[in-house]
Structure formats: C-alpha cells, structure tokens
Amino acid sequence: MSEPLPQALLAGRTFDAVVIGASAGGVNALLDILPALPKSFPCPVIVVLHVMKGRQNQLAEVFQQRLALRVVEAGDKDELKAGTLYFAPSGYHLSVEEGGVLSLSVEEPVHFARPAIDITMQSAADVYGPFLAGFLLTGANQDGAAGLAAIGAAGGLTVVQDPAEAQVGVMPNEAIRLRQPDLVLTLKEIRSLLLMLENE
C-alpha cells in the first residue's frame, strides 16, 4: 500500500507545525521515526500518544535520551517553539490556540481517551490550516481519524502509516476509510518525509 515519496506534493510548501497521533504500538513507531530529526528541525512537533496510565509522565524523559530535539511534556499556555517535541500530558486534552499557544482541559474523554488525538489535530488544523502536517500511526481505536480528516479539509498534509505494517491497523484503517489521506507510508518512508519537511 506504500507509495513513492511525493516531491511534487511538497514543492513550494512550508509547514509551521507537525502533529502526530498514535496508540497501541506507538512508542516503538515513534522511536523509529523521531530520532532522525535534527535539533534544527524548523517547526514544533506535537505528539498525542495513548499509553497506560502512569507511564505518560515518563515519555518526555525516555524520548529525550534518544532524540536531538528538545522534548517536553506540554504545559498550559506553553508557546510552541521550533525544534521542540511536545507530548500531551496524561489525563488532559491538549489544544492549540491562536498564536501557537497550548491549552489543557479536562473535558470528557473522546473514544475513551484523554488526551484525545482528535481534539489536538482539530484545534491545530483550525490554527495552522494548510501549514500543518498531520501523521497518524499504529493504534487500536478510532481516535485520530476525524482529526486527520479535519487537517485534510483545512488544506494540511495528511499521512497515515501503512496499516499492513502497523502493529495494530485499526487506527490507520479508520483514517483511510473516513477521508483518503495524501499519503499512506511505511515508517521508513515517514522518516524520510519528515526530513524532507526540514528542507522545504
């Protein structure tokens, strides 16, 4: 299902933010793609990852040991900065507000998840429109499909991990069913694409 990397799709485009969602199998998938990113990566990277309760707080520490990017747990009113990866904290929905400011809330879970990928992606799409790149990786529920569709509707770049490669294909398949993404790629291809974004 993978397809060639689309130089034409990226030609002339710039991106102000990257948002990535994942669930089951997501830690390994992220550790496959994110260590390749340089400290000089030109935009912030926001990650919403469903993990078992109690393990969310360890994410920033674990990933900082492997990544050149600065890695932090997102805080309320944090201003998004280039070269920094923000993990959505456990128990809070993470939204992006005008001006690239983050906000946390404790509204009801979405698809049994808080943080919910949908909420982060939809809010980021509202702020960044065509200057947002969204990625949805392996996962076991429907969270993220509507969010990625919102990014596509706003003119942003939408990428889904090839379900055949994903540890759990439910989340990628649901995203493809809801709105055909721009690209369906393997993790290796996603890693290459992210590096291409640095040079756009």
N, C-alpha and C. Protein backbone atom coordinates (compact mmCIF):
# COMPACT_ATOMS: atom_id res chain seq x y z
N MET A 1 0.82 -1.21 0.00
CA MET A 1 0.00 0.00 0.00
C MET A 1 0.86 1.26 0.00
N SER A 2 2.16 1.11 0.31
CA SER A 2 3.02 2.29 0.35
C SER A 2 3.19 2.84 -1.06
N GLU A 3 3.54 4.10 -1.15
CA GLU A 3 3.66 4.77 -2.44
C GLU A 3 4.89 5.65 -2.43
N PRO A 4 5.37 6.08 -3.60
CA PRO A 4 6.60 6.85 -3.65
C PRO A 4 6.47 8.18 -2.91
N LEU A 5 7.55 8.63 -2.34
CA LEU A 5 7.53 9.93 -1.67
C LEU A 5 7.27 11.03 -2.69
N PRO A 6 6.36 11.92 -2.38
CA PRO A 6 5.86 12.86 -3.37
C PRO A 6 6.59 14.18 -3.35
N GLN A 7 7.67 14.33 -4.10
CA GLN A 7 8.34 15.62 -4.13
C GLN A 7 7.33 16.69 -4.57
N ALA A 8 6.49 16.34 -5.53
CA ALA A 8 5.55 17.33 -6.08
C ALA A 8 4.56 17.81 -5.02
N LEU A 9 4.18 16.91 -4.12
CA LEU A 9 3.21 17.26 -3.07
C LEU A 9 3.78 18.30 -2.11
N LEU A 10 5.10 18.31 -1.97
CA LEU A 10 5.74 19.22 -1.02
C LEU A 10 6.28 20.48 -1.68
N ALA A 11 6.39 20.47 -2.99
CA ALA A 11 7.03 21.57 -3.70
C ALA A 11 6.40 22.92 -3.34
N GLY A 12 7.23 23.83 -2.87
CA GLY A 12 6.76 25.18 -2.57
C GLY A 12 5.99 25.31 -1.27
N ARG A 13 5.83 24.22 -0.53
CA ARG A 13 5.06 24.29 0.71
C ARG A 13 5.97 24.46 1.91
N THR A 14 5.48 25.17 2.90
CA THR A 14 6.17 25.25 4.19
C THR A 14 5.19 24.83 5.28
N PHE A 15 5.73 24.38 6.39
CA PHE A 15 4.89 23.89 7.48
C PHE A 15 5.30 24.56 8.78
N ASP A 16 4.28 25.01 9.52
CA ASP A 16 4.51 25.70 10.78
C ASP A 16 4.41 24.78 11.98
N ALA A 17 3.87 23.57 11.79
CA ALA A 17 3.75 22.62 12.89
C ALA A 17 3.53 21.22 12.34
N VAL A 18 3.94 20.24 13.13
CA VAL A 18 3.69 18.83 12.84
C VAL A 18 2.95 18.24 14.03
N VAL A 19 1.90 17.49 13.77
CA VAL A 19 1.19 16.80 14.86
C VAL A 19 1.10 15.32 14.52
N ILE A 20 1.40 14.50 15.51
CA ILE A 20 1.46 13.04 15.32
C ILE A 20 0.59 12.37 16.38
N GLY A 21 -0.23 11.42 15.94
CA GLY A 21 -1.06 10.65 16.86
C GLY A 21 -0.77 9.17 16.73
N ALA A 22 -0.80 8.48 17.88
CA ALA A 22 -0.58 7.03 17.88
C ALA A 22 -1.17 6.44 19.14
N SER A 23 -1.41 5.13 19.08
CA SER A 23 -1.93 4.42 20.25
C SER A 23 -1.12 3.14 20.41
N ALA A 24 -1.76 1.99 20.38
CA ALA A 24 -1.06 0.72 20.59
C ALA A 24 0.09 0.56 19.61
N GLY A 25 1.28 0.30 20.12
CA GLY A 25 2.46 0.18 19.28
C GLY A 25 3.12 1.49 18.98
N GLY A 26 2.58 2.58 19.50
CA GLY A 26 3.04 3.91 19.15
C GLY A 26 4.43 4.26 19.65
N VAL A 27 4.81 3.78 20.82
CA VAL A 27 6.14 4.11 21.35
C VAL A 27 7.22 3.62 20.38
N ASN A 28 7.12 2.36 19.98
CA ASN A 28 8.11 1.81 19.06
C ASN A 28 8.10 2.52 17.71
N ALA A 29 6.89 2.84 17.22
CA ALA A 29 6.79 3.54 15.94
C ALA A 29 7.46 4.92 16.02
N LEU A 30 7.21 5.64 17.10
CA LEU A 30 7.81 6.97 17.26
C LEU A 30 9.32 6.89 17.40
N LEU A 31 9.80 5.87 18.10
CA LEU A 31 11.24 5.70 18.26
C LEU A 31 11.91 5.29 16.95
N ASP A 32 11.11 4.86 16.00
CA ASP A 32 11.62 4.52 14.68
C ASP A 32 11.79 5.78 13.82
N ILE A 33 10.92 6.76 14.00
CA ILE A 33 10.94 7.92 13.09
C ILE A 33 11.55 9.18 13.70
N LEU A 34 11.39 9.41 15.00
CA LEU A 34 11.74 10.71 15.56
C LEU A 34 13.24 10.93 15.80
N PRO A 35 14.03 9.91 16.14
CA PRO A 35 15.45 10.15 16.37
C PRO A 35 16.18 10.71 15.15
N ALA A 36 15.61 10.57 13.97
CA ALA A 36 16.25 11.09 12.76
C ALA A 36 16.17 12.61 12.67
N LEU A 37 15.26 13.22 13.43
CA LEU A 37 15.05 14.67 13.30
C LEU A 37 16.17 15.45 13.99
N PRO A 38 16.72 16.45 13.31
CA PRO A 38 17.82 17.24 13.90
C PRO A 38 17.31 18.28 14.88
N LYS A 39 18.21 18.75 15.71
CA LYS A 39 17.90 19.79 16.68
C LYS A 39 17.37 21.05 15.99
N SER A 40 17.78 21.22 14.73
CA SER A 40 17.40 22.41 13.96
C SER A 40 16.07 22.25 13.22
N PHE A 41 15.29 21.20 13.55
CA PHE A 41 14.01 20.99 12.85
C PHE A 41 13.19 22.28 12.92
N PRO A 42 12.64 22.74 11.77
CA PRO A 42 12.15 24.11 11.66
C PRO A 42 10.79 24.40 12.28
N CYS A 43 10.13 23.41 12.85
CA CYS A 43 8.83 23.69 13.46
C CYS A 43 8.61 22.79 14.67
N PRO A 44 7.65 23.13 15.52
CA PRO A 44 7.34 22.28 16.66
C PRO A 44 6.68 20.97 16.23
N VAL A 45 6.88 19.94 17.04
CA VAL A 45 6.26 18.64 16.82
C VAL A 45 5.40 18.33 18.04
N ILE A 46 4.10 18.11 17.81
CA ILE A 46 3.16 17.83 18.90
C ILE A 46 2.76 16.36 18.79
N VAL A 47 2.90 15.61 19.88
CA VAL A 47 2.60 14.18 19.85
C VAL A 47 1.53 13.85 20.89
N VAL A 48 0.49 13.16 20.43
CA VAL A 48 -0.53 12.62 21.33
C VAL A 48 -0.44 11.11 21.24
N LEU A 49 -0.08 10.50 22.36
CA LEU A 49 0.17 9.07 22.39
C LEU A 49 -0.64 8.45 23.53
N HIS A 50 -1.48 7.48 23.20
CA HIS A 50 -2.21 6.77 24.25
C HIS A 50 -1.27 5.76 24.89
N VAL A 51 -1.03 5.91 26.17
CA VAL A 51 -0.23 4.93 26.90
C VAL A 51 -0.95 4.58 28.20
N MET A 52 -0.50 3.49 28.84
CA MET A 52 -1.13 3.08 30.10
C MET A 52 -0.98 4.18 31.14
N LYS A 53 -1.99 4.34 31.96
CA LYS A 53 -1.97 5.38 32.99
C LYS A 53 -0.72 5.20 33.87
N GLY A 54 -0.09 6.31 34.16
CA GLY A 54 1.10 6.25 34.99
C GLY A 54 2.39 6.24 34.19
N ARG A 55 2.32 5.89 32.90
CA ARG A 55 3.52 5.86 32.08
C ARG A 55 3.70 7.12 31.25
N GLN A 56 2.65 7.93 31.16
CA GLN A 56 2.71 9.13 30.33
C GLN A 56 3.81 10.07 30.79
N ASN A 57 3.98 10.18 32.12
CA ASN A 57 4.95 11.12 32.65
C ASN A 57 6.39 10.73 32.34
N GLN A 58 6.61 9.48 31.97
CA GLN A 58 7.96 9.04 31.65
C GLN A 58 8.32 9.28 30.19
N LEU A 59 7.34 9.63 29.37
CA LEU A 59 7.58 9.72 27.94
C LEU A 59 8.66 10.73 27.59
N ALA A 60 8.54 11.95 28.12
CA ALA A 60 9.48 13.00 27.77
C ALA A 60 10.90 12.58 28.14
N GLU A 61 11.05 11.99 29.31
CA GLU A 61 12.38 11.58 29.77
C GLU A 61 12.96 10.49 28.87
N VAL A 62 12.14 9.48 28.55
CA VAL A 62 12.60 8.38 27.71
C VAL A 62 13.00 8.87 26.32
N PHE A 63 12.17 9.72 25.74
CA PHE A 63 12.43 10.19 24.38
C PHE A 63 13.59 11.19 24.35
N GLN A 64 13.75 11.99 25.40
CA GLN A 64 14.85 12.96 25.39
C GLN A 64 16.21 12.27 25.31
N GLN A 65 16.28 11.07 25.87
CA GLN A 65 17.54 10.32 25.82
C GLN A 65 17.88 9.84 24.41
N ARG A 66 16.87 9.79 23.54
CA ARG A 66 17.08 9.23 22.19
C ARG A 66 17.02 10.28 21.08
N LEU A 67 16.54 11.47 21.40
CA LEU A 67 16.26 12.47 20.35
C LEU A 67 17.19 13.67 20.44
N ALA A 68 17.49 14.26 19.28
CA ALA A 68 18.23 15.53 19.24
C ALA A 68 17.30 16.69 19.58
N LEU A 69 16.01 16.56 19.24
CA LEU A 69 15.03 17.59 19.57
C LEU A 69 14.94 17.76 21.08
N ARG A 70 14.59 18.96 21.51
CA ARG A 70 14.21 19.17 22.92
C ARG A 70 12.86 18.50 23.12
N VAL A 71 12.69 17.76 24.21
CA VAL A 71 11.44 17.02 24.46
C VAL A 71 10.86 17.48 25.79
N VAL A 72 9.59 17.88 25.78
CA VAL A 72 8.94 18.35 27.00
C VAL A 72 7.52 17.78 27.08
N GLU A 73 6.99 17.75 28.29
CA GLU A 73 5.56 17.49 28.45
C GLU A 73 4.85 18.83 28.30
N ALA A 74 3.84 18.87 27.45
CA ALA A 74 3.15 20.13 27.16
C ALA A 74 2.49 20.69 28.42
N GLY A 75 2.63 21.98 28.59
CA GLY A 75 2.00 22.66 29.72
C GLY A 75 0.99 23.68 29.25
N ASP A 76 0.05 24.02 30.11
CA ASP A 76 -0.96 25.02 29.77
C ASP A 76 -0.28 26.36 29.53
N LYS A 77 -0.64 27.00 28.41
CA LYS A 77 -0.12 28.31 27.99
C LYS A 77 1.32 28.25 27.47
N ASP A 78 1.87 27.07 27.26
CA ASP A 78 3.18 26.97 26.61
C ASP A 78 3.09 27.53 25.19
N GLU A 79 4.11 28.25 24.77
CA GLU A 79 4.20 28.73 23.40
C GLU A 79 5.01 27.72 22.59
N LEU A 80 4.45 27.29 21.46
CA LEU A 80 5.13 26.31 20.62
C LEU A 80 6.39 26.91 20.03
N LYS A 81 7.48 26.12 20.09
CA LYS A 81 8.76 26.58 19.56
C LYS A 81 9.34 25.54 18.61
N ALA A 82 10.02 26.01 17.57
CA ALA A 82 10.67 25.11 16.62
C ALA A 82 11.72 24.26 17.34
N GLY A 83 11.97 23.07 16.81
CA GLY A 83 12.99 22.20 17.37
C GLY A 83 12.61 21.57 18.70
N THR A 84 11.33 21.62 19.05
CA THR A 84 10.86 21.07 20.32
C THR A 84 9.72 20.10 20.08
N LEU A 85 9.75 18.98 20.78
CA LEU A 85 8.67 17.99 20.73
C LEU A 85 7.85 18.10 22.01
N TYR A 86 6.54 18.22 21.85
CA TYR A 86 5.62 18.36 22.98
C TYR A 86 4.76 17.11 23.11
N PHE A 87 4.82 16.43 24.24
CA PHE A 87 3.94 15.31 24.50
C PHE A 87 2.70 15.79 25.25
N ALA A 88 1.51 15.38 24.80
CA ALA A 88 0.29 15.68 25.54
C ALA A 88 0.35 14.96 26.89
N PRO A 89 0.09 15.66 27.98
CA PRO A 89 0.18 15.02 29.30
C PRO A 89 -1.00 14.11 29.60
N SER A 90 -0.77 13.17 30.48
CA SER A 90 -1.81 12.22 30.87
C SER A 90 -2.99 12.91 31.54
N GLY A 91 -4.20 12.52 31.15
CA GLY A 91 -5.40 13.00 31.82
C GLY A 91 -5.92 14.33 31.32
N TYR A 92 -5.27 14.92 30.31
CA TYR A 92 -5.69 16.23 29.80
C TYR A 92 -5.82 16.18 28.28
N HIS A 93 -6.83 16.85 27.76
CA HIS A 93 -6.87 17.11 26.33
C HIS A 93 -5.93 18.28 26.04
N LEU A 94 -5.23 18.19 24.92
CA LEU A 94 -4.29 19.23 24.53
C LEU A 94 -4.79 19.92 23.27
N SER A 95 -4.97 21.23 23.35
CA SER A 95 -5.43 22.01 22.20
C SER A 95 -4.39 23.05 21.82
N VAL A 96 -4.44 23.46 20.55
CA VAL A 96 -3.60 24.55 20.07
C VAL A 96 -4.49 25.76 19.84
N GLU A 97 -4.09 26.90 20.40
CA GLU A 97 -4.86 28.13 20.26
C GLU A 97 -4.14 29.10 19.34
N GLU A 98 -4.83 30.16 18.94
CA GLU A 98 -4.24 31.17 18.05
C GLU A 98 -2.89 31.64 18.59
N GLY A 99 -1.96 31.83 17.68
CA GLY A 99 -0.63 32.27 18.09
C GLY A 99 0.28 31.13 18.48
N GLY A 100 -0.20 29.89 18.32
CA GLY A 100 0.63 28.73 18.66
C GLY A 100 0.82 28.54 20.15
N VAL A 101 -0.24 28.80 20.91
CA VAL A 101 -0.20 28.62 22.36
C VAL A 101 -1.00 27.36 22.72
N LEU A 102 -0.46 26.55 23.62
CA LEU A 102 -1.12 25.31 24.01
C LEU A 102 -2.07 25.54 25.18
N SER A 103 -3.13 24.75 25.23
CA SER A 103 -4.03 24.80 26.39
C SER A 103 -4.42 23.37 26.76
N LEU A 104 -4.62 23.16 28.05
CA LEU A 104 -5.02 21.86 28.58
C LEU A 104 -6.43 21.95 29.13
N SER A 105 -7.19 20.86 28.99
CA SER A 105 -8.54 20.83 29.53
C SER A 105 -8.87 19.42 30.00
N VAL A 106 -9.92 19.32 30.82
CA VAL A 106 -10.32 18.01 31.36
C VAL A 106 -11.76 17.69 30.94
N GLU A 107 -12.10 18.04 29.70
CA GLU A 107 -13.42 17.67 29.18
C GLU A 107 -13.51 16.15 29.08
N GLU A 108 -14.72 15.66 28.77
CA GLU A 108 -14.95 14.22 28.71
C GLU A 108 -14.00 13.55 27.70
N PRO A 109 -13.59 12.31 28.00
CA PRO A 109 -12.75 11.58 27.04
C PRO A 109 -13.44 11.44 25.68
N VAL A 110 -12.66 11.35 24.64
CA VAL A 110 -13.13 11.12 23.27
C VAL A 110 -12.60 9.75 22.85
N HIS A 111 -13.50 8.87 22.41
CA HIS A 111 -13.10 7.48 22.11
C HIS A 111 -12.35 6.88 23.30
N PHE A 112 -12.86 7.15 24.49
CA PHE A 112 -12.30 6.63 25.75
C PHE A 112 -10.89 7.15 26.04
N ALA A 113 -10.49 8.20 25.37
CA ALA A 113 -9.12 8.69 25.53
C ALA A 113 -9.08 10.14 25.97
N ARG A 114 -8.20 10.43 26.91
CA ARG A 114 -7.87 11.79 27.30
C ARG A 114 -6.41 11.78 27.74
N PRO A 115 -5.52 12.26 26.93
CA PRO A 115 -5.69 13.13 25.77
C PRO A 115 -6.24 12.40 24.54
N ALA A 116 -7.02 13.11 23.75
CA ALA A 116 -7.56 12.57 22.51
C ALA A 116 -6.83 13.19 21.33
N ILE A 117 -6.44 12.34 20.40
CA ILE A 117 -5.76 12.80 19.19
C ILE A 117 -6.66 13.75 18.39
N ASP A 118 -7.95 13.39 18.30
CA ASP A 118 -8.89 14.21 17.52
C ASP A 118 -8.88 15.67 17.96
N ILE A 119 -8.92 15.90 19.26
CA ILE A 119 -9.01 17.27 19.78
C ILE A 119 -7.75 18.06 19.41
N THR A 120 -6.60 17.46 19.58
CA THR A 120 -5.35 18.16 19.25
C THR A 120 -5.27 18.45 17.76
N MET A 121 -5.57 17.46 16.93
CA MET A 121 -5.48 17.65 15.49
C MET A 121 -6.49 18.67 14.98
N GLN A 122 -7.72 18.59 15.48
CA GLN A 122 -8.74 19.53 15.01
C GLN A 122 -8.40 20.96 15.39
N SER A 123 -7.90 21.17 16.60
CA SER A 123 -7.55 22.53 17.03
C SER A 123 -6.34 23.04 16.25
N ALA A 124 -5.37 22.17 15.99
CA ALA A 124 -4.20 22.58 15.23
C ALA A 124 -4.58 22.91 13.79
N ALA A 125 -5.52 22.16 13.23
CA ALA A 125 -5.99 22.44 11.87
C ALA A 125 -6.65 23.81 11.81
N ASP A 126 -7.40 24.18 12.84
CA ASP A 126 -8.05 25.50 12.89
C ASP A 126 -7.01 26.62 12.89
N VAL A 127 -5.89 26.40 13.56
CA VAL A 127 -4.87 27.44 13.70
C VAL A 127 -3.95 27.50 12.49
N TYR A 128 -3.50 26.33 12.01
CA TYR A 128 -2.44 26.31 11.00
C TYR A 128 -2.93 26.04 9.59
N GLY A 129 -4.13 25.49 9.42
CA GLY A 129 -4.67 25.24 8.09
C GLY A 129 -3.70 24.49 7.19
N PRO A 130 -3.39 25.05 6.00
CA PRO A 130 -2.53 24.35 5.05
C PRO A 130 -1.07 24.27 5.48
N PHE A 131 -0.72 24.93 6.57
CA PHE A 131 0.67 24.92 7.04
C PHE A 131 0.90 23.89 8.15
N LEU A 132 -0.01 22.91 8.23
CA LEU A 132 0.08 21.84 9.23
C LEU A 132 0.29 20.50 8.54
N ALA A 133 1.18 19.69 9.09
CA ALA A 133 1.37 18.31 8.62
C ALA A 133 0.91 17.37 9.72
N GLY A 134 -0.02 16.48 9.39
CA GLY A 134 -0.56 15.53 10.37
C GLY A 134 -0.20 14.10 10.02
N PHE A 135 0.18 13.34 11.03
CA PHE A 135 0.57 11.94 10.86
C PHE A 135 -0.20 11.08 11.85
N LEU A 136 -0.78 9.99 11.36
CA LEU A 136 -1.48 9.06 12.23
C LEU A 136 -0.84 7.68 12.08
N LEU A 137 -0.41 7.12 13.20
CA LEU A 137 0.33 5.88 13.19
C LEU A 137 -0.51 4.74 13.76
N THR A 138 0.15 3.67 14.11
CA THR A 138 -0.47 2.47 14.64
C THR A 138 -1.40 2.77 15.81
N GLY A 139 -2.48 2.02 15.95
CA GLY A 139 -3.40 2.22 17.07
C GLY A 139 -4.61 1.31 17.00
N ALA A 140 -5.28 1.17 18.14
CA ALA A 140 -6.33 0.16 18.27
C ALA A 140 -7.73 0.75 18.35
N ASN A 141 -7.89 2.06 18.15
CA ASN A 141 -9.25 2.60 18.16
C ASN A 141 -9.40 3.65 17.07
N GLN A 142 -10.53 4.37 17.09
CA GLN A 142 -10.85 5.31 16.00
C GLN A 142 -10.32 6.71 16.25
N ASP A 143 -9.74 6.96 17.42
CA ASP A 143 -9.27 8.31 17.73
C ASP A 143 -8.21 8.73 16.70
N GLY A 144 -8.32 9.95 16.22
CA GLY A 144 -7.37 10.47 15.25
C GLY A 144 -7.90 10.51 13.83
N ALA A 145 -8.86 9.64 13.51
CA ALA A 145 -9.39 9.62 12.14
C ALA A 145 -10.08 10.93 11.81
N ALA A 146 -10.97 11.40 12.69
CA ALA A 146 -11.67 12.66 12.45
C ALA A 146 -10.71 13.84 12.49
N GLY A 147 -9.72 13.77 13.38
CA GLY A 147 -8.74 14.85 13.47
C GLY A 147 -7.92 14.98 12.21
N LEU A 148 -7.47 13.84 11.67
CA LEU A 148 -6.69 13.87 10.44
C LEU A 148 -7.55 14.36 9.28
N ALA A 149 -8.82 13.95 9.27
CA ALA A 149 -9.74 14.43 8.23
C ALA A 149 -9.89 15.95 8.31
N ALA A 150 -9.91 16.49 9.51
CA ALA A 150 -10.02 17.95 9.68
C ALA A 150 -8.78 18.65 9.14
N ILE A 151 -7.61 18.04 9.33
CA ILE A 151 -6.38 18.62 8.78
C ILE A 151 -6.46 18.64 7.26
N GLY A 152 -6.93 17.52 6.69
CA GLY A 152 -7.07 17.46 5.24
C GLY A 152 -8.06 18.49 4.72
N ALA A 153 -9.18 18.65 5.42
CA ALA A 153 -10.21 19.62 4.99
C ALA A 153 -9.69 21.06 5.06
N ALA A 154 -8.73 21.30 5.97
CA ALA A 154 -8.16 22.64 6.11
C ALA A 154 -7.00 22.88 5.15
N GLY A 155 -6.69 21.88 4.33
CA GLY A 155 -5.62 22.03 3.35
C GLY A 155 -4.26 21.57 3.81
N GLY A 156 -4.19 20.98 5.01
CA GLY A 156 -2.91 20.49 5.51
C GLY A 156 -2.52 19.16 4.88
N LEU A 157 -1.29 18.75 5.14
CA LEU A 157 -0.76 17.49 4.63
C LEU A 157 -1.17 16.36 5.57
N THR A 158 -1.72 15.27 5.02
CA THR A 158 -2.17 14.16 5.86
C THR A 158 -1.45 12.88 5.46
N VAL A 159 -0.90 12.20 6.47
CA VAL A 159 -0.11 10.99 6.25
C VAL A 159 -0.55 9.92 7.24
N VAL A 160 -0.75 8.71 6.74
CA VAL A 160 -1.15 7.58 7.57
C VAL A 160 -0.12 6.47 7.42
N GLN A 161 0.22 5.84 8.54
CA GLN A 161 1.11 4.68 8.47
C GLN A 161 0.41 3.55 7.73
N ASP A 162 1.13 2.87 6.87
CA ASP A 162 0.59 1.73 6.14
C ASP A 162 0.02 0.72 7.14
N PRO A 163 -1.30 0.45 7.09
CA PRO A 163 -1.91 -0.48 8.06
C PRO A 163 -1.28 -1.87 8.02
N ALA A 164 -0.77 -2.27 6.87
CA ALA A 164 -0.15 -3.59 6.76
C ALA A 164 1.12 -3.69 7.60
N GLU A 165 1.75 -2.54 7.85
CA GLU A 165 2.98 -2.52 8.64
C GLU A 165 2.72 -2.21 10.12
N ALA A 166 1.62 -1.52 10.39
CA ALA A 166 1.32 -1.07 11.75
C ALA A 166 1.18 -2.25 12.71
N GLN A 167 1.63 -2.05 13.94
CA GLN A 167 1.47 -3.11 14.95
C GLN A 167 -0.01 -3.41 15.14
N VAL A 168 -0.84 -2.35 15.14
CA VAL A 168 -2.29 -2.51 15.17
C VAL A 168 -2.87 -1.58 14.10
N GLY A 169 -3.60 -2.14 13.15
CA GLY A 169 -4.01 -1.39 11.98
C GLY A 169 -5.35 -0.68 12.08
N VAL A 170 -6.03 -0.79 13.22
CA VAL A 170 -7.38 -0.22 13.34
C VAL A 170 -7.38 1.29 13.09
N MET A 171 -6.48 2.00 13.76
CA MET A 171 -6.46 3.47 13.66
C MET A 171 -6.12 3.94 12.24
N PRO A 172 -5.05 3.41 11.62
CA PRO A 172 -4.77 3.81 10.24
C PRO A 172 -5.91 3.47 9.28
N ASN A 173 -6.49 2.29 9.41
CA ASN A 173 -7.58 1.89 8.52
C ASN A 173 -8.79 2.80 8.65
N GLU A 174 -9.09 3.20 9.90
CA GLU A 174 -10.24 4.08 10.12
C GLU A 174 -10.01 5.44 9.49
N ALA A 175 -8.77 5.93 9.58
CA ALA A 175 -8.45 7.23 8.98
C ALA A 175 -8.59 7.17 7.46
N ILE A 176 -8.13 6.08 6.87
CA ILE A 176 -8.21 5.91 5.41
C ILE A 176 -9.68 5.80 4.99
N ARG A 177 -10.48 5.12 5.80
CA ARG A 177 -11.90 4.95 5.48
C ARG A 177 -12.64 6.28 5.53
N LEU A 178 -12.30 7.10 6.52
CA LEU A 178 -13.04 8.34 6.73
C LEU A 178 -12.72 9.39 5.67
N ARG A 179 -11.45 9.55 5.37
CA ARG A 179 -11.04 10.52 4.35
C ARG A 179 -9.68 10.09 3.81
N GLN A 180 -9.61 9.80 2.53
CA GLN A 180 -8.36 9.32 1.96
C GLN A 180 -7.23 10.31 2.24
N PRO A 181 -6.17 9.88 2.92
CA PRO A 181 -5.07 10.80 3.22
C PRO A 181 -4.23 11.08 1.97
N ASP A 182 -3.39 12.10 2.06
CA ASP A 182 -2.50 12.40 0.95
C ASP A 182 -1.54 11.25 0.69
N LEU A 183 -1.08 10.63 1.78
CA LEU A 183 -0.07 9.58 1.65
C LEU A 183 -0.31 8.46 2.65
N VAL A 184 -0.05 7.23 2.22
CA VAL A 184 -0.03 6.06 3.10
C VAL A 184 1.38 5.49 2.98
N LEU A 185 2.15 5.55 4.07
CA LEU A 185 3.58 5.27 4.00
C LEU A 185 4.03 4.32 5.10
N THR A 186 5.13 3.66 4.87
CA THR A 186 5.79 2.88 5.92
C THR A 186 6.51 3.83 6.86
N LEU A 187 6.93 3.33 8.02
CA LEU A 187 7.67 4.17 8.96
C LEU A 187 8.96 4.70 8.34
N LYS A 188 9.63 3.87 7.56
CA LYS A 188 10.86 4.31 6.90
C LYS A 188 10.57 5.49 5.97
N GLU A 189 9.47 5.40 5.24
CA GLU A 189 9.10 6.48 4.33
C GLU A 189 8.65 7.73 5.09
N ILE A 190 7.97 7.52 6.21
CA ILE A 190 7.57 8.67 7.05
C ILE A 190 8.81 9.38 7.58
N ARG A 191 9.79 8.62 8.02
CA ARG A 191 11.04 9.21 8.50
C ARG A 191 11.68 10.07 7.40
N SER A 192 11.73 9.55 6.19
CA SER A 192 12.29 10.30 5.06
C SER A 192 11.49 11.56 4.77
N LEU A 193 10.16 11.44 4.85
CA LEU A 193 9.30 12.58 4.58
C LEU A 193 9.52 13.69 5.61
N LEU A 194 9.62 13.32 6.88
CA LEU A 194 9.86 14.32 7.92
C LEU A 194 11.17 15.05 7.66
N LEU A 195 12.18 14.35 7.23
CA LEU A 195 13.46 15.00 6.92
C LEU A 195 13.31 15.93 5.71
N MET A 196 12.43 15.56 4.77
CA MET A 196 12.18 16.44 3.63
C MET A 196 11.50 17.73 4.08
N LEU A 197 10.66 17.66 5.10
CA LEU A 197 9.99 18.86 5.58
C LEU A 197 11.01 19.89 6.08
N GLU A 198 12.12 19.39 6.63
CA GLU A 198 13.15 20.29 7.15
C GLU A 198 13.72 21.16 6.04
N ASN A 199 13.73 20.63 4.83
CA ASN A 199 14.39 21.33 3.75
C ASN A 199 13.45 22.16 2.88
N GLU A 200 12.14 22.10 3.21
CA GLU A 200 11.19 22.84 2.37
C GLU A 200 11.26 24.33 2.66
